[in-house]
Amino acid sequence: MPVRMLLIRALSGDWHEADSASDGAAVLERLGAAGPFDVLLTDIQMPTMDGIALALAAARDYPGLKTYL
């Protein structure tokens, strides 16, 4: 969690908004509920759904979303 909070602080700024979630399933829920998002930055290892499965699901459901593992 400390790394996630550090990234949120670093990415939040003048023209950027950042959001975080604790696992891949929560990310998919947020993408649908709070979008649109421009970029998805994810870790490979996460609880519930790993980053690769998340990236594949995001590419399928949100084809314009840039995803970085």
PDB file of N, CA and C in Angstrom:
ATOM      1  N   MET A   1       0.805  -1.202   0.000  1.00  0.00           N
ATOM      2  CA  MET A   1       0.000   0.000   0.000  1.00  0.00           C
ATOM      3  C   MET A   1       0.849   1.267   0.000  1.00  0.00           C
ATOM      4  N   PRO A   2       2.001   1.320   0.648  1.00  0.00           N
ATOM      5  CA  PRO A   2       2.800   2.551   0.608  1.00  0.00           C
ATOM      6  C   PRO A   2       3.197   2.950  -0.812  1.00  0.00           C
ATOM      7  N   VAL A   3       3.516   1.987  -1.668  1.00  0.00           N
ATOM      8  CA  VAL A   3       3.896   2.311  -3.051  1.00  0.00           C
ATOM      9  C   VAL A   3       2.694   2.878  -3.799  1.00  0.00           C
ATOM     10  N   ARG A   4       1.532   2.281  -3.584  1.00  0.00           N
ATOM     11  CA  ARG A   4       0.316   2.778  -4.243  1.00  0.00           C
ATOM     12  C   ARG A   4       0.050   4.227  -3.847  1.00  0.00           C
ATOM     13  N   MET A   5       0.165   4.537  -2.571  1.00  0.00           N
ATOM     14  CA  MET A   5      -0.084   5.906  -2.104  1.00  0.00           C
ATOM     15  C   MET A   5       0.972   6.874  -2.649  1.00  0.00           C
ATOM     16  N   LEU A   6       2.216   6.428  -2.745  1.00  0.00           N
ATOM     17  CA  LEU A   6       3.276   7.259  -3.320  1.00  0.00           C
ATOM     18  C   LEU A   6       2.960   7.582  -4.785  1.00  0.00           C
ATOM     19  N   LEU A   7       2.517   6.586  -5.524  1.00  0.00           N
ATOM     20  CA  LEU A   7       2.160   6.823  -6.931  1.00  0.00           C
ATOM     21  C   LEU A   7       0.974   7.769  -7.064  1.00  0.00           C
ATOM     22  N   ILE A   8      -0.023   7.620  -6.209  1.00  0.00           N
ATOM     23  CA  ILE A   8      -1.174   8.520  -6.249  1.00  0.00           C
ATOM     24  C   ILE A   8      -0.714   9.960  -6.015  1.00  0.00           C
ATOM     25  N   ARG A   9       0.148  10.165  -5.039  1.00  0.00           N
ATOM     26  CA  ARG A   9       0.638  11.522  -4.753  1.00  0.00           C
ATOM     27  C   ARG A   9       1.458  12.068  -5.914  1.00  0.00           C
ATOM     28  N   ALA A  10       2.288  11.206  -6.515  1.00  0.00           N
ATOM     29  CA  ALA A  10       3.137  11.651  -7.619  1.00  0.00           C
ATOM     30  C   ALA A  10       2.320  11.971  -8.869  1.00  0.00           C
ATOM     31  N   LEU A  11       1.290  11.186  -9.123  1.00  0.00           N
ATOM     32  CA  LEU A  11       0.503  11.378 -10.342  1.00  0.00           C
ATOM     33  C   LEU A  11      -0.581  12.438 -10.207  1.00  0.00           C
ATOM     34  N   SER A  12      -0.999  12.707  -9.008  1.00  0.00           N
ATOM     35  CA  SER A  12      -2.020  13.742  -8.795  1.00  0.00           C
ATOM     36  C   SER A  12      -1.338  15.098  -8.826  1.00  0.00           C
ATOM     37  N   GLY A  13      -1.879  15.979  -9.587  1.00  0.00           N
ATOM     38  CA  GLY A  13      -1.257  17.287  -9.673  1.00  0.00           C
ATOM     39  C   GLY A  13      -2.110  18.262 -10.438  1.00  0.00           C
ATOM     40  N   ASP A  14      -1.434  19.223 -11.031  1.00  0.00           N
ATOM     41  CA  ASP A  14      -2.092  20.331 -11.696  1.00  0.00           C
ATOM     42  C   ASP A  14      -3.214  19.904 -12.649  1.00  0.00           C
ATOM     43  N   TRP A  15      -2.928  19.015 -13.562  1.00  0.00           N
ATOM     44  CA  TRP A  15      -3.904  18.651 -14.579  1.00  0.00           C
ATOM     45  C   TRP A  15      -4.274  17.173 -14.546  1.00  0.00           C
ATOM     46  N   HIS A  16      -3.881  16.482 -13.497  1.00  0.00           N
ATOM     47  CA  HIS A  16      -4.108  15.043 -13.438  1.00  0.00           C
ATOM     48  C   HIS A  16      -4.955  14.667 -12.229  1.00  0.00           C
ATOM     49  N   GLU A  17      -5.760  13.653 -12.402  1.00  0.00           N
ATOM     50  CA  GLU A  17      -6.478  13.033 -11.294  1.00  0.00           C
ATOM     51  C   GLU A  17      -6.063  11.569 -11.272  1.00  0.00           C
ATOM     52  N   ALA A  18      -5.901  11.016 -10.101  1.00  0.00           N
ATOM     53  CA  ALA A  18      -5.504   9.618  -9.968  1.00  0.00           C
ATOM     54  C   ALA A  18      -6.432   8.929  -8.978  1.00  0.00           C
ATOM     55  N   ASP A  19      -6.637   7.647  -9.199  1.00  0.00           N
ATOM     56  CA  ASP A  19      -7.471   6.837  -8.326  1.00  0.00           C
ATOM     57  C   ASP A  19      -6.734   5.531  -8.093  1.00  0.00           C
ATOM     58  N   SER A  20      -7.080   4.810  -7.054  1.00  0.00           N
ATOM     59  CA  SER A  20      -6.417   3.539  -6.787  1.00  0.00           C
ATOM     60  C   SER A  20      -7.428   2.508  -6.305  1.00  0.00           C
ATOM     61  N   ALA A  21      -7.028   1.252  -6.402  1.00  0.00           N
ATOM     62  CA  ALA A  21      -7.838   0.148  -5.919  1.00  0.00           C
ATOM     63  C   ALA A  21      -6.898  -0.927  -5.391  1.00  0.00           C
ATOM     64  N   SER A  22      -7.394  -1.740  -4.485  1.00  0.00           N
ATOM     65  CA  SER A  22      -6.536  -2.725  -3.829  1.00  0.00           C
ATOM     66  C   SER A  22      -6.388  -4.033  -4.598  1.00  0.00           C
ATOM     67  N   ASP A  23      -7.269  -4.295  -5.568  1.00  0.00           N
ATOM     68  CA  ASP A  23      -7.146  -5.526  -6.355  1.00  0.00           C
ATOM     69  C   ASP A  23      -7.762  -5.328  -7.739  1.00  0.00           C
ATOM     70  N   GLY A  24      -7.489  -6.280  -8.619  1.00  0.00           N
ATOM     71  CA  GLY A  24      -7.928  -6.166 -10.007  1.00  0.00           C
ATOM     72  C   GLY A  24      -9.431  -6.107 -10.192  1.00  0.00           C
ATOM     73  N   ALA A  25     -10.168  -6.863  -9.402  1.00  0.00           N
ATOM     74  CA  ALA A  25     -11.631  -6.839  -9.512  1.00  0.00           C
ATOM     75  C   ALA A  25     -12.179  -5.459  -9.151  1.00  0.00           C
ATOM     76  N   ALA A  26     -11.609  -4.841  -8.135  1.00  0.00           N
ATOM     77  CA  ALA A  26     -12.035  -3.488  -7.749  1.00  0.00           C
ATOM     78  C   ALA A  26     -11.713  -2.483  -8.850  1.00  0.00           C
ATOM     79  N   VAL A  27     -10.614  -2.691  -9.541  1.00  0.00           N
ATOM     80  CA  VAL A  27     -10.259  -1.801 -10.655  1.00  0.00           C
ATOM     81  C   VAL A  27     -11.321  -1.874 -11.740  1.00  0.00           C
ATOM     82  N   LEU A  28     -11.728  -3.077 -12.112  1.00  0.00           N
ATOM     83  CA  LEU A  28     -12.744  -3.218 -13.156  1.00  0.00           C
ATOM     84  C   LEU A  28     -14.052  -2.550 -12.750  1.00  0.00           C
ATOM     85  N   GLU A  29     -14.418  -2.657 -11.484  1.00  0.00           N
ATOM     86  CA  GLU A  29     -15.619  -1.970 -11.010  1.00  0.00           C
ATOM     87  C   GLU A  29     -15.481  -0.459 -11.152  1.00  0.00           C
ATOM     88  N   ARG A  30     -14.321   0.073 -10.778  1.00  0.00           N
ATOM     89  CA  ARG A  30     -14.110   1.528 -10.867  1.00  0.00           C
ATOM     90  C   ARG A  30     -14.066   2.006 -12.302  1.00  0.00           C
ATOM     91  N   LEU A  31     -13.476   1.216 -13.184  1.00  0.00           N
ATOM     92  CA  LEU A  31     -13.422   1.620 -14.594  1.00  0.00           C
ATOM     93  C   LEU A  31     -14.823   1.809 -15.147  1.00  0.00           C
ATOM     94  N   GLY A  32     -15.738   0.942 -14.751  1.00  0.00           N
ATOM     95  CA  GLY A  32     -17.113   1.049 -15.229  1.00  0.00           C
ATOM     96  C   GLY A  32     -17.899   2.147 -14.548  1.00  0.00           C
ATOM     97  N   ALA A  33     -17.642   2.367 -13.271  1.00  0.00           N
ATOM     98  CA  ALA A  33     -18.454   3.307 -12.493  1.00  0.00           C
ATOM     99  C   ALA A  33     -17.922   4.733 -12.507  1.00  0.00           C
ATOM    100  N   ALA A  34     -16.622   4.896 -12.487  1.00  0.00           N
ATOM    101  CA  ALA A  34     -16.048   6.234 -12.307  1.00  0.00           C
ATOM    102  C   ALA A  34     -15.349   6.757 -13.553  1.00  0.00           C
ATOM    103  N   GLY A  35     -15.349   6.021 -14.638  1.00  0.00           N
ATOM    104  CA  GLY A  35     -14.627   6.413 -15.849  1.00  0.00           C
ATOM    105  C   GLY A  35     -15.189   7.664 -16.473  1.00  0.00           C
ATOM    106  N   PRO A  36     -14.663   8.101 -17.569  1.00  0.00           N
ATOM    107  CA  PRO A  36     -13.614   7.421 -18.320  1.00  0.00           C
ATOM    108  C   PRO A  36     -12.220   7.732 -17.763  1.00  0.00           C
ATOM    109  N   PHE A  37     -11.332   6.785 -17.943  1.00  0.00           N
ATOM    110  CA  PHE A  37      -9.935   6.937 -17.561  1.00  0.00           C
ATOM    111  C   PHE A  37      -9.089   6.931 -18.825  1.00  0.00           C
ATOM    112  N   ASP A  38      -7.937   7.590 -18.772  1.00  0.00           N
ATOM    113  CA  ASP A  38      -7.027   7.628 -19.917  1.00  0.00           C
ATOM    114  C   ASP A  38      -5.968   6.539 -19.849  1.00  0.00           C
ATOM    115  N   VAL A  39      -5.506   6.227 -18.633  1.00  0.00           N
ATOM    116  CA  VAL A  39      -4.391   5.303 -18.443  1.00  0.00           C
ATOM    117  C   VAL A  39      -4.680   4.391 -17.266  1.00  0.00           C
ATOM    118  N   LEU A  40      -4.285   3.135 -17.399  1.00  0.00           N
ATOM    119  CA  LEU A  40      -4.348   2.165 -16.304  1.00  0.00           C
ATOM    120  C   LEU A  40      -2.933   1.705 -16.024  1.00  0.00           C
ATOM    121  N   LEU A  41      -2.474   1.913 -14.811  1.00  0.00           N
ATOM    122  CA  LEU A  41      -1.156   1.469 -14.362  1.00  0.00           C
ATOM    123  C   LEU A  41      -1.392   0.376 -13.334  1.00  0.00           C
ATOM    124  N   THR A  42      -0.901  -0.826 -13.612  1.00  0.00           N
ATOM    125  CA  THR A  42      -1.196  -1.958 -12.738  1.00  0.00           C
ATOM    126  C   THR A  42       0.051  -2.767 -12.427  1.00  0.00           C
ATOM    127  N   ASP A  43      -0.008  -3.468 -11.325  1.00  0.00           N
ATOM    128  CA  ASP A  43       1.045  -4.384 -10.914  1.00  0.00           C
ATOM    129  C   ASP A  43       0.724  -5.757 -11.488  1.00  0.00           C
ATOM    130  N   ILE A  44       1.718  -6.585 -11.663  1.00  0.00           N
ATOM    131  CA  ILE A  44       1.485  -7.940 -12.157  1.00  0.00           C
ATOM    132  C   ILE A  44       0.828  -8.785 -11.061  1.00  0.00           C
ATOM    133  N   GLN A  45       1.340  -8.704  -9.845  1.00  0.00           N
ATOM    134  CA  GLN A  45       0.810  -9.522  -8.748  1.00  0.00           C
ATOM    135  C   GLN A  45      -0.122  -8.700  -7.876  1.00  0.00           C
ATOM    136  N   MET A  46      -1.382  -9.115  -7.860  1.00  0.00           N
ATOM    137  CA  MET A  46      -2.394  -8.472  -7.023  1.00  0.00           C
ATOM    138  C   MET A  46      -3.361  -9.550  -6.549  1.00  0.00           C
ATOM    139  N   PRO A  47      -4.069  -9.281  -5.455  1.00  0.00           N
ATOM    140  CA  PRO A  47      -5.082 -10.247  -5.021  1.00  0.00           C
ATOM    141  C   PRO A  47      -6.292 -10.258  -5.965  1.00  0.00           C
ATOM    142  N   THR A  48      -7.043 -11.308  -5.937  1.00  0.00           N
ATOM    143  CA  THR A  48      -8.296 -11.520  -6.653  1.00  0.00           C
ATOM    144  C   THR A  48      -8.096 -11.681  -8.164  1.00  0.00           C
ATOM    145  N   MET A  49      -7.424 -10.756  -8.813  1.00  0.00           N
ATOM    146  CA  MET A  49      -7.178 -10.822 -10.252  1.00  0.00           C
ATOM    147  C   MET A  49      -5.797 -10.222 -10.497  1.00  0.00           C
ATOM    148  N   ASP A  50      -4.912 -10.982 -11.157  1.00  0.00           N
ATOM    149  CA  ASP A  50      -3.570 -10.441 -11.377  1.00  0.00           C
ATOM    150  C   ASP A  50      -3.568  -9.396 -12.484  1.00  0.00           C
ATOM    151  N   GLY A  51      -2.457  -8.702 -12.613  1.00  0.00           N
ATOM    152  CA  GLY A  51      -2.362  -7.596 -13.559  1.00  0.00           C
ATOM    153  C   GLY A  51      -2.532  -7.996 -15.008  1.00  0.00           C
ATOM    154  N   ILE A  52      -2.088  -9.191 -15.364  1.00  0.00           N
ATOM    155  CA  ILE A  52      -2.234  -9.643 -16.749  1.00  0.00           C
ATOM    156  C   ILE A  52      -3.708  -9.882 -17.074  1.00  0.00           C
ATOM    157  N   ALA A  53      -4.419 -10.562 -16.192  1.00  0.00           N
ATOM    158  CA  ALA A  53      -5.856 -10.778 -16.407  1.00  0.00           C
ATOM    159  C   ALA A  53      -6.597  -9.444 -16.433  1.00  0.00           C
ATOM    160  N   LEU A  54      -6.197  -8.522 -15.565  1.00  0.00           N
ATOM    161  CA  LEU A  54      -6.810  -7.191 -15.552  1.00  0.00           C
ATOM    162  C   LEU A  54      -6.558  -6.470 -16.867  1.00  0.00           C
ATOM    163  N   ALA A  55      -5.326  -6.509 -17.352  1.00  0.00           N
ATOM    164  CA  ALA A  55      -4.997  -5.839 -18.616  1.00  0.00           C
ATOM    165  C   ALA A  55      -5.798  -6.424 -19.778  1.00  0.00           C
ATOM    166  N   LEU A  56      -5.954  -7.737 -19.803  1.00  0.00           N
ATOM    167  CA  LEU A  56      -6.738  -8.373 -20.872  1.00  0.00           C
ATOM    168  C   LEU A  56      -8.211  -7.981 -20.786  1.00  0.00           C
ATOM    169  N   ALA A  57      -8.766  -7.967 -19.579  1.00  0.00           N
ATOM    170  CA  ALA A  57     -10.169  -7.576 -19.412  1.00  0.00           C
ATOM    171  C   ALA A  57     -10.374  -6.108 -19.761  1.00  0.00           C
ATOM    172  N   ALA A  58      -9.435  -5.256 -19.362  1.00  0.00           N
ATOM    173  CA  ALA A  58      -9.548  -3.827 -19.664  1.00  0.00           C
ATOM    174  C   ALA A  58      -9.448  -3.589 -21.168  1.00  0.00           C
ATOM    175  N   ALA A  59      -8.552  -4.308 -21.839  1.00  0.00           N
ATOM    176  CA  ALA A  59      -8.418  -4.158 -23.297  1.00  0.00           C
ATOM    177  C   ALA A  59      -9.698  -4.592 -24.006  1.00  0.00           C
ATOM    178  N   ARG A  60     -10.325  -5.623 -23.491  1.00  0.00           N
ATOM    179  CA  ARG A  60     -11.572  -6.116 -24.084  1.00  0.00           C
ATOM    180  C   ARG A  60     -12.720  -5.131 -23.857  1.00  0.00           C
ATOM    181  N   ASP A  61     -12.850  -4.639 -22.620  1.00  0.00           N
ATOM    182  CA  ASP A  61     -13.994  -3.804 -22.254  1.00  0.00           C
ATOM    183  C   ASP A  61     -13.798  -2.318 -22.552  1.00  0.00           C
ATOM    184  N   TYR A  62     -12.545  -1.865 -22.564  1.00  0.00           N
ATOM    185  CA  TYR A  62     -12.224  -0.444 -22.765  1.00  0.00           C
ATOM    186  C   TYR A  62     -11.075  -0.338 -23.773  1.00  0.00           C
ATOM    187  N   PRO A  63     -11.352  -0.557 -25.051  1.00  0.00           N
ATOM    188  CA  PRO A  63     -10.277  -0.640 -26.047  1.00  0.00           C
ATOM    189  C   PRO A  63      -9.422   0.610 -26.199  1.00  0.00           C
ATOM    190  N   GLY A  64      -9.914   1.767 -25.826  1.00  0.00           N
ATOM    191  CA  GLY A  64      -9.115   2.993 -25.931  1.00  0.00           C
ATOM    192  C   GLY A  64      -8.223   3.271 -24.734  1.00  0.00           C
ATOM    193  N   LEU A  65      -8.330   2.462 -23.698  1.00  0.00           N
ATOM    194  CA  LEU A  65      -7.583   2.677 -22.467  1.00  0.00           C
ATOM    195  C   LEU A  65      -6.151   2.169 -22.623  1.00  0.00           C
ATOM    196  N   LYS A  66      -5.186   3.030 -22.361  1.00  0.00           N
ATOM    197  CA  LYS A  66      -3.775   2.636 -22.380  1.00  0.00           C
ATOM    198  C   LYS A  66      -3.468   1.922 -21.077  1.00  0.00           C
ATOM    199  N   THR A  67      -2.881   0.730 -21.152  1.00  0.00           N
ATOM    200  CA  THR A  67      -2.591  -0.055 -19.961  1.00  0.00           C
ATOM    201  C   THR A  67      -1.102  -0.324 -19.878  1.00  0.00           C
ATOM    202  N   TYR A  68      -0.538  -0.105 -18.700  1.00  0.00           N
ATOM    203  CA  TYR A  68       0.889  -0.347 -18.451  1.00  0.00           C
ATOM    204  C   TYR A  68       1.024  -1.277 -17.265  1.00  0.00           C
ATOM    205  N   LEU A  69       1.774  -2.372 -17.466  1.00  0.00           N
ATOM    206  CA  LEU A  69       2.026  -3.321 -16.383  1.00  0.00           C
ATOM    207  C   LEU A  69       3.345  -3.007 -15.720  1.00  0.00           C
TER     208      LEU A  69
END
